[in-house]
N, C-alpha and C. Protein backbone atom coordinates (compact mmCIF):
# COMPACT_ATOMS: atom_id res chain seq x y z
N MET A 1 10.04 -25.10 2.99
CA MET A 1 10.28 -23.74 3.41
C MET A 1 9.81 -23.61 4.86
N THR A 2 10.65 -23.09 5.70
CA THR A 2 10.28 -22.93 7.11
C THR A 2 9.36 -21.74 7.27
N PRO A 3 8.62 -21.68 8.38
CA PRO A 3 7.76 -20.52 8.61
C PRO A 3 8.53 -19.20 8.67
N ALA A 4 9.76 -19.22 9.20
CA ALA A 4 10.56 -17.99 9.25
C ALA A 4 10.92 -17.52 7.83
N GLN A 5 11.31 -18.47 6.99
CA GLN A 5 11.64 -18.11 5.61
C GLN A 5 10.41 -17.61 4.87
N LEU A 6 9.28 -18.22 5.14
CA LEU A 6 8.04 -17.79 4.51
C LEU A 6 7.66 -16.38 4.96
N GLY A 7 7.87 -16.09 6.24
CA GLY A 7 7.59 -14.75 6.74
C GLY A 7 8.49 -13.71 6.11
N ILE A 8 9.77 -14.04 5.93
CA ILE A 8 10.70 -13.11 5.29
C ILE A 8 10.30 -12.89 3.83
N LEU A 9 9.96 -13.96 3.13
CA LEU A 9 9.54 -13.84 1.74
C LEU A 9 8.27 -13.00 1.61
N LEU A 10 7.32 -13.22 2.50
CA LEU A 10 6.08 -12.45 2.49
C LEU A 10 6.36 -10.97 2.75
N THR A 11 7.25 -10.68 3.68
CA THR A 11 7.60 -9.29 3.98
C THR A 11 8.28 -8.62 2.79
N LEU A 12 9.20 -9.32 2.14
CA LEU A 12 9.88 -8.75 0.98
C LEU A 12 8.91 -8.51 -0.18
N GLN A 13 8.02 -9.46 -0.42
CA GLN A 13 7.06 -9.28 -1.51
C GLN A 13 6.12 -8.11 -1.24
N SER A 14 5.63 -8.02 -0.02
CA SER A 14 4.71 -6.93 0.31
C SER A 14 5.42 -5.58 0.28
N SER A 15 6.65 -5.54 0.71
CA SER A 15 7.42 -4.30 0.66
C SER A 15 7.60 -3.84 -0.79
N PHE A 16 7.94 -4.78 -1.65
CA PHE A 16 8.11 -4.46 -3.07
C PHE A 16 6.81 -3.95 -3.68
N LEU A 17 5.70 -4.64 -3.41
CA LEU A 17 4.41 -4.22 -3.96
C LEU A 17 3.98 -2.86 -3.42
N GLY A 18 4.23 -2.61 -2.13
CA GLY A 18 3.91 -1.31 -1.55
C GLY A 18 4.73 -0.20 -2.17
N LEU A 19 6.00 -0.46 -2.41
CA LEU A 19 6.88 0.53 -3.03
C LEU A 19 6.44 0.81 -4.47
N VAL A 20 6.12 -0.23 -5.22
CA VAL A 20 5.66 -0.05 -6.60
C VAL A 20 4.34 0.73 -6.62
N ALA A 21 3.43 0.39 -5.72
CA ALA A 21 2.14 1.10 -5.67
C ALA A 21 2.35 2.57 -5.33
N GLY A 22 3.24 2.84 -4.38
CA GLY A 22 3.50 4.23 -4.03
C GLY A 22 4.13 5.02 -5.16
N VAL A 23 5.06 4.40 -5.87
CA VAL A 23 5.72 5.09 -6.98
C VAL A 23 4.76 5.30 -8.15
N LEU A 24 3.91 4.32 -8.42
CA LEU A 24 2.93 4.48 -9.51
C LEU A 24 1.83 5.47 -9.14
N ALA A 25 1.57 5.63 -7.87
CA ALA A 25 0.53 6.57 -7.44
C ALA A 25 0.94 8.03 -7.64
N LEU A 26 2.24 8.29 -7.65
CA LEU A 26 2.70 9.67 -7.79
C LEU A 26 2.27 10.31 -9.11
N PRO A 27 2.60 9.75 -10.28
CA PRO A 27 2.18 10.42 -11.51
C PRO A 27 0.66 10.43 -11.70
N VAL A 28 0.00 9.37 -11.26
CA VAL A 28 -1.46 9.34 -11.40
C VAL A 28 -2.10 10.41 -10.52
N GLY A 29 -1.63 10.54 -9.30
CA GLY A 29 -2.17 11.57 -8.40
C GLY A 29 -1.90 12.97 -8.90
N LEU A 30 -0.69 13.20 -9.44
CA LEU A 30 -0.38 14.52 -9.97
C LEU A 30 -1.22 14.84 -11.20
N LEU A 31 -1.48 13.83 -12.03
CA LEU A 31 -2.32 14.04 -13.21
C LEU A 31 -3.76 14.38 -12.81
N VAL A 32 -4.31 13.63 -11.87
CA VAL A 32 -5.68 13.90 -11.42
C VAL A 32 -5.77 15.28 -10.77
N ALA A 33 -4.77 15.63 -9.95
CA ALA A 33 -4.78 16.94 -9.30
C ALA A 33 -4.70 18.06 -10.32
N SER A 34 -3.86 17.91 -11.34
CA SER A 34 -3.75 18.97 -12.35
C SER A 34 -5.05 19.10 -13.16
N VAL A 35 -5.70 17.99 -13.45
CA VAL A 35 -6.99 18.07 -14.16
C VAL A 35 -8.02 18.78 -13.28
N LEU A 36 -8.05 18.47 -12.03
CA LEU A 36 -9.00 19.14 -11.13
C LEU A 36 -8.72 20.64 -11.03
N VAL A 37 -7.45 20.99 -10.91
CA VAL A 37 -7.10 22.40 -10.72
C VAL A 37 -7.28 23.20 -12.01
N PHE A 38 -6.77 22.68 -13.12
CA PHE A 38 -6.74 23.48 -14.35
C PHE A 38 -7.97 23.31 -15.25
N VAL A 39 -8.68 22.21 -15.15
CA VAL A 39 -9.83 21.98 -16.03
C VAL A 39 -11.14 22.14 -15.27
N ILE A 40 -11.31 21.35 -14.23
CA ILE A 40 -12.60 21.34 -13.51
C ILE A 40 -12.86 22.68 -12.82
N ASN A 41 -11.88 23.18 -12.09
CA ASN A 41 -12.08 24.47 -11.41
C ASN A 41 -12.35 25.59 -12.40
N ARG A 42 -11.63 25.61 -13.50
CA ARG A 42 -11.81 26.68 -14.49
C ARG A 42 -13.21 26.62 -15.10
N ARG A 43 -13.66 25.41 -15.44
CA ARG A 43 -14.99 25.28 -16.06
C ARG A 43 -16.11 25.51 -15.06
N ALA A 44 -15.93 25.06 -13.83
CA ALA A 44 -17.01 25.17 -12.85
C ALA A 44 -17.07 26.55 -12.21
N PHE A 45 -15.90 27.14 -11.94
CA PHE A 45 -15.89 28.39 -11.17
C PHE A 45 -15.27 29.56 -11.91
N GLY A 46 -14.56 29.29 -13.00
CA GLY A 46 -13.95 30.37 -13.76
C GLY A 46 -12.59 30.80 -13.22
N TRP A 47 -12.01 30.04 -12.33
CA TRP A 47 -10.69 30.37 -11.79
C TRP A 47 -9.91 29.09 -11.50
N THR A 48 -8.61 29.24 -11.31
CA THR A 48 -7.76 28.10 -10.96
C THR A 48 -6.95 28.45 -9.72
N LEU A 49 -6.32 27.45 -9.17
CA LEU A 49 -5.44 27.62 -8.02
C LEU A 49 -4.00 27.42 -8.46
N PRO A 50 -3.06 27.97 -7.71
CA PRO A 50 -1.66 27.66 -8.05
C PRO A 50 -1.37 26.19 -7.75
N PHE A 51 -0.74 25.53 -8.69
CA PHE A 51 -0.44 24.10 -8.56
C PHE A 51 1.05 23.95 -8.27
N GLU A 52 1.38 23.70 -7.01
CA GLU A 52 2.77 23.57 -6.58
C GLU A 52 2.92 22.30 -5.75
N PRO A 53 3.23 21.17 -6.39
CA PRO A 53 3.41 19.92 -5.64
C PRO A 53 4.60 20.02 -4.70
N ASP A 54 4.42 19.58 -3.48
CA ASP A 54 5.46 19.62 -2.46
C ASP A 54 6.26 18.32 -2.52
N PRO A 55 7.58 18.39 -2.77
CA PRO A 55 8.37 17.16 -2.85
C PRO A 55 8.35 16.34 -1.56
N ASN A 56 8.30 17.00 -0.41
CA ASN A 56 8.23 16.27 0.85
C ASN A 56 6.94 15.46 0.96
N LEU A 57 5.86 16.03 0.50
CA LEU A 57 4.59 15.32 0.53
C LEU A 57 4.59 14.12 -0.42
N LEU A 58 5.28 14.25 -1.54
CA LEU A 58 5.37 13.13 -2.48
C LEU A 58 6.15 11.97 -1.88
N TRP A 59 7.26 12.27 -1.19
CA TRP A 59 8.02 11.20 -0.54
C TRP A 59 7.22 10.57 0.59
N GLN A 60 6.44 11.38 1.29
CA GLN A 60 5.60 10.85 2.37
C GLN A 60 4.54 9.89 1.81
N THR A 61 4.07 10.16 0.60
CA THR A 61 3.10 9.27 -0.03
C THR A 61 3.69 7.89 -0.28
N VAL A 62 4.92 7.86 -0.78
CA VAL A 62 5.58 6.58 -1.02
C VAL A 62 5.84 5.87 0.31
N ALA A 63 6.27 6.62 1.32
CA ALA A 63 6.51 6.03 2.64
C ALA A 63 5.23 5.47 3.25
N LEU A 64 4.11 6.16 3.04
CA LEU A 64 2.83 5.68 3.56
C LEU A 64 2.40 4.39 2.87
N ALA A 65 2.60 4.30 1.57
CA ALA A 65 2.25 3.07 0.85
C ALA A 65 3.11 1.90 1.32
N LEU A 66 4.39 2.15 1.53
CA LEU A 66 5.29 1.11 2.01
C LEU A 66 4.92 0.69 3.43
N SER A 67 4.58 1.66 4.28
CA SER A 67 4.18 1.35 5.66
C SER A 67 2.89 0.55 5.70
N ALA A 68 1.94 0.90 4.85
CA ALA A 68 0.68 0.15 4.81
C ALA A 68 0.91 -1.29 4.37
N ALA A 69 1.79 -1.48 3.40
CA ALA A 69 2.10 -2.84 2.94
C ALA A 69 2.75 -3.65 4.06
N LEU A 70 3.66 -3.02 4.79
CA LEU A 70 4.31 -3.73 5.89
C LEU A 70 3.34 -4.02 7.03
N LEU A 71 2.39 -3.13 7.27
CA LEU A 71 1.39 -3.36 8.31
C LEU A 71 0.51 -4.55 7.95
N VAL A 72 0.10 -4.64 6.70
CA VAL A 72 -0.70 -5.77 6.25
C VAL A 72 0.11 -7.06 6.32
N THR A 73 1.39 -6.97 5.98
CA THR A 73 2.26 -8.14 6.04
C THR A 73 2.37 -8.66 7.46
N GLY A 74 2.39 -7.77 8.43
CA GLY A 74 2.47 -8.19 9.83
C GLY A 74 1.30 -9.09 10.21
N GLY A 75 0.11 -8.78 9.73
CA GLY A 75 -1.05 -9.63 10.00
C GLY A 75 -0.93 -10.99 9.36
N GLY A 76 -0.44 -11.04 8.13
CA GLY A 76 -0.26 -12.32 7.45
C GLY A 76 0.82 -13.16 8.10
N THR A 77 1.90 -12.52 8.50
CA THR A 77 2.99 -13.25 9.16
C THR A 77 2.55 -13.77 10.51
N ALA A 78 1.77 -12.97 11.24
CA ALA A 78 1.26 -13.42 12.54
C ALA A 78 0.33 -14.62 12.36
N CYS A 79 -0.47 -14.59 11.31
CA CYS A 79 -1.37 -15.72 11.04
C CYS A 79 -0.58 -16.98 10.72
N LEU A 80 0.47 -16.85 9.92
CA LEU A 80 1.31 -18.00 9.60
C LEU A 80 2.00 -18.54 10.84
N ALA A 81 2.48 -17.64 11.69
CA ALA A 81 3.15 -18.08 12.92
C ALA A 81 2.17 -18.80 13.84
N LEU A 82 0.94 -18.30 13.92
CA LEU A 82 -0.07 -18.94 14.76
C LEU A 82 -0.40 -20.34 14.25
N VAL A 83 -0.58 -20.46 12.94
CA VAL A 83 -0.89 -21.77 12.37
C VAL A 83 0.28 -22.72 12.55
N ALA A 84 1.50 -22.23 12.34
CA ALA A 84 2.67 -23.08 12.50
C ALA A 84 2.81 -23.56 13.94
N ALA A 85 2.49 -22.68 14.89
CA ALA A 85 2.62 -23.05 16.31
C ALA A 85 1.54 -24.04 16.74
N THR A 86 0.35 -23.94 16.18
CA THR A 86 -0.74 -24.79 16.62
C THR A 86 -0.82 -26.11 15.86
N THR A 87 -0.30 -26.15 14.63
CA THR A 87 -0.41 -27.38 13.84
C THR A 87 0.91 -28.09 13.65
N GLY A 88 1.95 -27.57 14.23
CA GLY A 88 3.24 -28.23 14.11
C GLY A 88 3.95 -27.96 12.80
N GLY A 89 3.77 -26.77 12.24
CA GLY A 89 4.52 -26.40 11.06
C GLY A 89 3.71 -26.27 9.79
N GLY A 90 2.39 -26.35 9.87
CA GLY A 90 1.58 -26.17 8.67
C GLY A 90 1.63 -24.74 8.19
N VAL A 91 1.40 -24.53 6.90
CA VAL A 91 1.48 -23.19 6.35
C VAL A 91 0.14 -22.69 5.80
N ALA A 92 -0.93 -23.47 5.89
CA ALA A 92 -2.22 -23.03 5.38
C ALA A 92 -2.86 -22.09 6.38
N CYS A 93 -3.42 -21.00 5.90
CA CYS A 93 -4.05 -20.03 6.78
C CYS A 93 -5.31 -19.51 6.09
N GLU A 94 -6.41 -19.55 6.78
CA GLU A 94 -7.68 -19.09 6.22
C GLU A 94 -8.29 -18.10 7.20
N ILE A 95 -8.64 -16.95 6.69
CA ILE A 95 -9.25 -15.91 7.52
C ILE A 95 -10.68 -15.74 7.05
N ASP A 96 -11.65 -15.92 7.94
CA ASP A 96 -13.05 -15.78 7.61
C ASP A 96 -13.46 -14.33 7.85
N ALA A 97 -13.77 -13.62 6.77
CA ALA A 97 -14.16 -12.23 6.90
C ALA A 97 -15.65 -12.08 7.15
N GLY A 98 -16.37 -13.17 7.20
CA GLY A 98 -17.81 -13.12 7.45
C GLY A 98 -18.60 -12.61 6.25
N LEU A 99 -18.08 -12.77 5.06
CA LEU A 99 -18.75 -12.27 3.86
C LEU A 99 -19.66 -13.30 3.21
N SER A 100 -19.63 -14.53 3.68
CA SER A 100 -20.43 -15.56 3.03
C SER A 100 -21.81 -15.67 3.61
């Protein structure tokens, strides 16, 4: 597999995972928000707020998850390109986060 093909594969995988994460975050976020509004606020303060999810905000959430996945993919692809350029086509990449 060439570095270009690997970069394309990495981008497609990250895009898919970002899209899945964004779509799965929608019902979970709406559930948590409704519990906070209708249960926690009522028990803690004796009142609730109107719960009106904005469809535009929900689509922006999915777009943000997809954008974050693509941003992270850019770093991985750049690392692969750097390793391929310096080692003559190798695909191993190790990033030291300084945690050891």
